[in-house]
Protein backbone atom coordinates (compact mmCIF):
# COMPACT_ATOMS: atom_id res chain seq x y z
CA MET A 1 43.02 -60.40 6.32
CA PRO A 2 41.41 -62.85 4.74
CA LEU A 3 37.96 -62.05 3.72
CA LYS A 4 36.79 -65.56 4.78
CA ASN A 5 37.79 -64.50 8.27
CA ILE A 6 35.85 -61.82 8.43
CA ASN A 7 32.96 -63.56 6.54
CA ARG A 8 33.09 -66.13 9.43
CA PHE A 9 33.40 -63.57 12.36
CA VAL A 10 30.34 -62.05 10.84
CA LEU A 11 28.20 -65.01 10.48
CA THR A 12 28.96 -66.16 13.67
CA ALA A 13 28.05 -62.50 15.13
CA GLN A 14 24.84 -62.67 13.48
CA ILE A 15 23.86 -65.99 14.82
CA THR A 16 24.54 -65.14 18.50
CA LEU A 17 22.24 -61.95 17.85
CA VAL A 18 19.68 -64.43 17.12
CA PHE A 19 20.16 -66.49 20.12
CA VAL A 20 20.64 -63.40 22.28
CA TYR A 21 16.97 -62.56 21.29
CA LEU A 22 15.72 -66.25 21.97
CA VAL A 23 17.30 -66.32 25.38
CA ILE A 24 15.47 -62.95 26.10
CA ILE A 25 11.94 -64.68 24.92
CA ALA A 26 12.78 -67.86 26.30
CA GLY A 27 13.22 -66.20 30.02
CA SER A 28 10.31 -64.22 29.44
CA VAL A 29 8.33 -67.49 28.77
CA VAL A 30 9.70 -69.00 31.85
CA ARG A 31 8.51 -65.94 33.97
CA ALA A 32 4.85 -65.90 32.26
CA THR A 33 4.42 -69.39 32.85
CA GLY A 34 5.57 -69.95 36.16
CA SER A 35 8.40 -72.15 35.30
CA GLY A 36 10.97 -70.46 37.00
CA MET A 37 11.73 -73.15 39.54
CA GLY A 38 11.16 -75.66 37.08
CA CYS A 39 14.30 -76.86 37.73
CA PRO A 40 15.02 -76.40 41.16
CA ASP A 41 18.56 -76.96 41.16
CA TRP A 42 21.52 -75.57 38.83
CA PRO A 43 23.39 -76.03 36.43
CA LYS A 44 21.37 -79.55 36.60
CA CYS A 45 17.88 -80.00 36.66
CA PHE A 46 16.58 -82.46 39.35
CA GLY A 47 20.38 -83.00 39.38
CA ASN A 48 20.19 -84.73 35.78
CA TRP A 49 21.64 -83.14 32.82
CA VAL A 50 18.26 -84.08 31.09
CA PRO A 51 15.37 -83.32 33.22
CA PRO A 52 12.55 -86.28 33.82
CA THR A 53 9.38 -86.32 32.17
CA ASP A 54 7.30 -87.68 34.89
CA VAL A 55 7.34 -87.49 38.84
CA SER A 56 8.00 -91.22 38.56
CA GLN A 57 11.51 -90.61 37.41
CA LEU A 58 12.44 -88.87 40.77
CA PRO A 59 13.25 -90.26 44.08
CA GLU A 60 9.85 -90.18 46.68
CA ASN A 61 11.66 -87.53 49.10
CA TYR A 62 12.69 -85.10 45.79
CA LYS A 63 10.68 -82.20 47.42
CA ALA A 64 13.29 -82.65 50.35
CA LEU A 65 16.18 -83.40 48.43
CA TYR A 66 16.15 -80.31 46.35
CA ALA A 67 14.80 -78.02 48.72
CA GLY A 68 16.81 -74.96 49.04
CA GLU A 69 17.83 -72.58 51.79
CA HIS A 70 14.99 -70.19 50.48
CA HIS A 71 12.63 -72.19 48.57
CA ALA A 72 10.49 -75.05 49.21
CA VAL A 73 10.15 -77.54 45.85
CA ALA A 74 6.61 -77.42 44.37
CA GLU A 75 4.76 -80.58 42.92
CA PHE A 76 6.59 -81.97 39.83
CA ASN A 77 5.23 -80.18 36.60
CA ALA A 78 6.54 -81.77 33.38
CA LEU A 79 5.96 -78.51 31.07
CA ASN A 80 7.17 -76.08 33.78
CA THR A 81 10.07 -78.55 34.47
CA TRP A 82 11.12 -78.44 30.33
CA THR A 83 10.45 -74.88 29.71
CA GLU A 84 13.07 -73.97 32.17
CA TYR A 85 15.61 -76.69 30.73
CA LEU A 86 14.74 -75.34 27.33
CA ASN A 87 15.67 -71.98 28.56
CA ARG A 88 18.95 -73.12 29.77
CA LEU A 89 19.78 -74.89 27.07
CA ALA A 90 19.24 -71.78 24.97
CA GLY A 91 21.55 -69.68 27.20
CA ALA A 92 24.06 -72.84 27.18
CA VAL A 93 24.15 -72.40 23.25
CA LEU A 94 24.16 -68.63 23.15
CA GLY A 95 27.15 -69.43 25.88
CA ILE A 96 29.03 -71.38 22.86
CA LEU A 97 28.53 -69.14 20.25
CA ILE A 98 29.69 -66.34 22.21
CA PHE A 99 33.02 -68.03 22.88
CA LEU A 100 33.66 -69.03 19.01
CA GLN A 101 33.02 -65.38 18.10
CA PHE A 102 35.52 -64.17 21.06
CA LEU A 103 37.92 -67.02 18.81
CA PHE A 104 37.22 -65.66 15.78
CA SER A 105 37.92 -62.26 17.09
CA ILE A 106 41.66 -62.98 17.72
CA PRO A 107 42.70 -62.92 13.94
CA LEU A 108 41.01 -59.60 13.80
CA ARG A 109 43.29 -57.91 16.20
CA LYS A 110 45.08 -56.53 13.52
CA THR A 111 42.59 -55.01 11.46
CA ASP A 112 40.05 -54.00 14.28
CA ARG A 113 41.18 -54.29 17.88
CA ARG A 114 37.91 -53.17 18.98
CA LEU A 115 35.95 -56.42 17.50
CA PHE A 116 38.63 -58.43 19.98
CA ARG A 117 38.09 -56.30 23.05
CA TYR A 118 34.02 -56.21 22.47
CA SER A 119 33.96 -59.78 21.89
CA LEU A 120 35.91 -60.92 25.01
CA LEU A 121 33.29 -58.36 27.04
CA GLU A 122 30.92 -60.32 25.70
CA LEU A 123 32.06 -63.45 26.94
CA ILE A 124 32.74 -62.11 30.28
CA LEU A 125 29.30 -60.83 30.41
CA ILE A 126 27.53 -64.17 29.56
CA GLY A 127 29.54 -65.74 32.31
CA PHE A 128 28.36 -63.11 34.25
CA GLN A 129 24.86 -63.82 33.04
CA GLY A 130 24.96 -67.68 33.95
CA TRP A 131 26.37 -67.21 37.51
CA LEU A 132 23.61 -64.33 37.88
CA GLY A 133 21.21 -67.10 36.72
CA ALA A 134 22.50 -69.69 39.63
CA LYS A 135 21.70 -66.90 42.08
CA VAL A 136 18.11 -66.22 40.82
CA VAL A 137 17.59 -69.91 41.16
CA SER A 138 19.17 -70.24 44.83
CA SER A 139 17.26 -66.96 45.57
CA ASN A 140 13.77 -68.46 44.97
CA LEU A 141 12.90 -65.62 41.88
CA ALA A 142 13.94 -62.94 43.51
CA PRO A 143 12.46 -59.84 41.60
CA VAL A 144 15.39 -57.53 42.10
CA LYS A 145 17.51 -60.45 40.70
CA ILE A 146 15.54 -60.86 37.65
CA THR A 147 15.42 -57.58 36.57
CA ILE A 148 19.38 -57.15 37.03
CA HIS A 149 19.09 -60.57 34.60
CA MET A 150 17.08 -58.59 32.30
CA VAL A 151 19.22 -55.63 32.13
CA VAL A 152 22.33 -57.53 31.62
CA ALA A 153 20.58 -59.23 28.71
CA LEU A 154 19.89 -55.69 27.41
CA VAL A 155 23.88 -54.85 27.69
CA ILE A 156 24.60 -58.08 25.89
CA LEU A 157 22.31 -56.92 23.35
CA SER A 158 24.08 -54.02 22.69
CA ILE A 159 26.93 -55.20 22.60
CA ALA A 160 26.30 -57.91 19.98
CA LEU A 161 24.75 -55.61 17.66
CA LEU A 162 27.87 -53.23 17.99
CA ILE A 163 29.78 -56.04 17.05
CA ILE A 164 27.81 -56.46 13.94
CA HIS A 165 28.18 -53.10 12.99
CA ARG A 166 31.61 -52.62 13.12
CA ALA A 167 32.47 -56.40 11.77
CA LYS A 168 29.90 -55.29 8.44
CA LYS A 169 32.47 -52.09 7.83
CA LEU A 170 35.21 -54.32 7.18
CA VAL A 171 33.59 -55.95 4.31
CA ARG A 172 31.35 -53.33 2.65
CA THR A 173 31.89 -49.72 2.28
CA GLU A 174 29.22 -47.94 3.59
CA GLU A 175 27.55 -44.34 2.19
CA LYS A 176 28.68 -40.97 3.87
CA GLU A 177 26.38 -38.30 5.02
CA VAL A 178 26.92 -35.64 7.60
CA MET A 179 23.76 -35.88 9.56
CA ASP A 180 22.13 -33.59 11.08
CA PRO A 181 23.64 -32.57 15.13
CA THR A 182 19.51 -32.01 16.50
CA LEU A 183 18.47 -35.44 15.21
CA LYS A 184 21.75 -37.28 16.73
CA LYS A 185 20.67 -35.74 20.21
CA LEU A 186 17.18 -36.68 19.76
CA SER A 187 17.92 -40.42 18.90
CA ILE A 188 20.08 -40.27 22.34
CA VAL A 189 17.04 -38.80 24.16
CA VAL A 190 14.84 -41.07 22.40
CA PHE A 191 16.98 -44.05 23.36
CA GLY A 192 17.33 -42.86 27.07
CA ALA A 193 13.56 -42.53 27.62
CA SER A 194 13.29 -46.22 26.25
CA ILE A 195 15.69 -47.32 28.52
CA LEU A 196 13.66 -46.16 31.27
CA GLN A 197 10.56 -47.37 29.94
CA ILE A 198 12.09 -51.17 30.01
CA LEU A 199 12.80 -50.60 33.72
CA LEU A 200 9.36 -49.27 34.49
CA GLY A 201 8.29 -52.18 32.77
CA THR A 202 10.08 -54.46 34.83
CA GLN A 203 8.94 -52.49 38.27
CA VAL A 204 5.69 -53.75 36.71
CA ARG A 205 6.44 -56.91 36.45
CA GLU A 206 7.68 -57.38 39.71
CA GLU A 207 4.72 -55.92 41.40
CA VAL A 208 2.62 -58.88 39.43
CA ASP A 209 4.87 -61.18 40.82
CA LEU A 210 4.56 -60.32 44.30
CA LEU A 211 0.93 -60.30 44.29
CA LEU A 212 0.88 -63.12 42.39
CA LYS A 213 2.93 -64.69 45.10
CA ASN A 214 1.90 -62.98 48.20
CA PHE A 215 -2.01 -62.78 47.54
CA ASP A 216 -4.12 -65.59 46.79
CA ALA A 217 -6.93 -63.88 46.90
CA ILE A 218 -6.24 -61.39 44.33
CA TYR A 219 -7.32 -63.63 40.80
CA ARG A 220 -5.43 -62.49 37.42
CA ASN A 221 -8.32 -60.51 36.66
CA GLU A 222 -8.26 -58.14 39.96
CA ILE A 223 -4.28 -57.45 38.80
CA ILE A 224 -4.22 -54.55 36.84
CA SER A 225 -6.58 -52.64 39.80
CA ASN A 226 -3.76 -53.69 42.75
CA LEU A 227 -0.71 -52.34 40.95
CA GLY A 228 0.70 -49.22 42.24
CA ASN A 229 2.19 -46.30 40.35
CA TYR A 230 4.78 -47.54 38.35
CA PHE A 231 2.24 -48.95 36.24
CA LYS A 232 0.29 -45.75 35.74
CA ILE A 233 3.46 -44.23 34.82
CA HIS A 234 4.69 -46.98 32.80
CA ARG A 235 1.30 -46.75 30.92
CA SER A 236 1.14 -42.87 30.46
CA PHE A 237 4.85 -42.84 29.77
CA SER A 238 4.20 -45.09 26.79
CA ILE A 239 2.18 -41.88 24.94
CA ILE A 240 5.12 -39.60 25.73
CA LEU A 241 7.61 -42.36 23.87
CA THR A 242 5.32 -42.98 21.09
CA ILE A 243 5.47 -39.16 20.41
CA LEU A 244 9.17 -38.93 20.92
CA ASN A 245 10.02 -42.07 18.26
CA PHE A 246 7.60 -40.94 15.70
CA TRP A 247 9.15 -37.37 15.62
CA MET A 248 12.37 -39.13 15.24
CA ILE A 249 10.97 -41.21 12.52
CA PHE A 250 9.51 -38.18 10.67
CA LYS A 251 12.74 -36.62 10.93
CA ILE A 252 14.92 -39.35 9.64
CA ARG A 253 12.26 -39.62 6.73
CA LYS A 254 12.81 -36.03 5.97
CA THR A 255 16.45 -35.02 6.45
CA VAL A 256 18.67 -38.69 6.03
CA LYS A 257 19.46 -39.60 2.67
CA THR A 258 21.10 -43.03 3.62
CA GLU A 259 18.39 -45.90 2.72
CA GLN A 260 19.62 -48.09 5.32
CA VAL A 261 18.92 -45.80 8.01
CA LYS A 262 15.53 -45.01 6.61
CA ARG A 263 14.81 -48.75 6.63
CA ASN A 264 15.53 -49.37 10.02
CA ALA A 265 13.63 -45.99 11.14
CA ASN A 266 10.39 -47.43 9.05
CA GLY A 267 10.71 -50.52 10.98
CA LEU A 268 10.84 -49.17 14.65
CA GLY A 269 7.55 -47.42 13.55
CA ALA A 270 6.09 -50.62 12.45
CA VAL A 271 7.23 -52.20 15.32
CA ILE A 272 6.23 -49.80 17.97
CA LEU A 273 2.36 -50.18 16.87
CA VAL A 274 2.50 -53.43 17.23
CA ALA A 275 3.75 -53.00 21.02
CA LEU A 276 1.41 -50.58 21.61
CA ILE A 277 -1.33 -53.32 20.81
CA THR A 278 0.31 -55.72 23.09
CA GLY A 279 0.73 -53.29 25.49
CA VAL A 280 -3.39 -52.22 25.50
CA THR A 281 -3.96 -55.84 25.40
CA LEU A 282 -2.18 -56.69 28.41
CA SER A 283 -3.85 -53.88 30.15
CA MET A 284 -7.52 -54.27 29.23
CA PHE A 285 -7.54 -57.91 29.34
CA ALA A 286 -5.65 -58.91 32.93
CA LEU A 287 -2.39 -59.55 31.65
CA PRO A 288 -2.64 -62.72 29.21
CA ALA A 289 0.61 -64.72 29.72
CA PRO A 290 1.00 -65.75 25.55
CA VAL A 291 1.00 -61.96 25.56
CA GLN A 292 3.70 -61.18 28.11
CA PRO A 293 6.71 -62.74 25.69
CA ILE A 294 5.42 -61.02 22.93
CA HIS A 295 5.04 -57.49 24.45
CA LEU A 296 9.07 -57.87 25.92
CA LEU A 297 10.46 -58.96 22.65
CA LEU A 298 9.17 -56.35 20.98
CA ALA A 299 10.31 -53.78 23.62
CA CYS A 300 13.77 -55.38 23.13
CA ILE A 301 13.38 -55.37 19.20
CA ILE A 302 12.67 -51.57 19.73
CA TYR A 303 15.51 -51.24 22.01
CA GLY A 304 17.83 -52.93 19.33
CA LEU A 305 16.39 -50.76 16.51
CA GLN A 306 17.05 -47.51 18.04
CA TRP A 307 20.80 -48.53 19.00
CA MET A 308 21.75 -49.49 15.89
CA LEU A 309 19.74 -45.68 14.67
CA ILE A 310 22.26 -44.47 17.26
CA LEU A 311 25.37 -46.26 15.79
CA LYS A 312 24.43 -45.41 12.22
CA LEU A 313 23.79 -41.85 12.93
CA TRP A 314 26.62 -41.21 14.94
CA GLN A 315 29.33 -42.76 12.79
CA LYS A 316 28.76 -40.59 9.92
CA GLN A 317 29.93 -37.45 11.58
CA GLN A 318 32.48 -36.95 8.65
CA ALA A 319 31.94 -36.17 5.23
């Protein structure tokens, strides 16, 4: 297999991973700014591939024209419209990149058939994610659909990281090390706990959305006091999760010799500390909108780093 084909595939996979994170944070910005219905139709925006910048560019009856079965159209807001449009544009670029990655994986089938299968699976999932995005809009941002949208994004992120992990083994030889079985099991426990924490966070976000939507008397500085048990569990569980993560990081630094694994663990610890700061900021200062996308992005980076640690810890079972 020509090295240039492998390098081309690895580069495309790495750029794809960057855009996976960009799409996740773009979606979070959309949600934090209330721009989810900035484009009331899908895949176009107010009937155009490039949305308007001023209400004068829309017909006088645009509210009735674009009203759906489950929603009415609010007053045109150029900032909300373009925020949602840029989110869709990032998603479209990601779709193109995943398609190119799939094409570049075809010549690699004889070298590593799983790379082809994972690339095909990622392509199918990004198509499903696009369809789900249309359902989110048509449902007037139903919280459950938004949460499913987020879960699918995490699955796509996992596959993107797995593809890079396998592809890099084709171009470089990695250190061989037998890992402590207890550490390997601990990594699974920590990863599972983090997934649970993210899901709890999505439930908190759903509660926040419902409060803002259905109870006009509740101002943003009163939201925290009106949140239910999901928020309390999410907040308390963050302490347990932090302890578990730093216990794993300590064991990695103490027992693992591979430098790449240690660097990943150190990076994980740093990101967790910043995520804790953003979490406390959200709790103490009434969920400031600019901090929400940062908190979600950090959670996804933590998720990605933990997944990469699992891949590295569990691949080195043979000396």
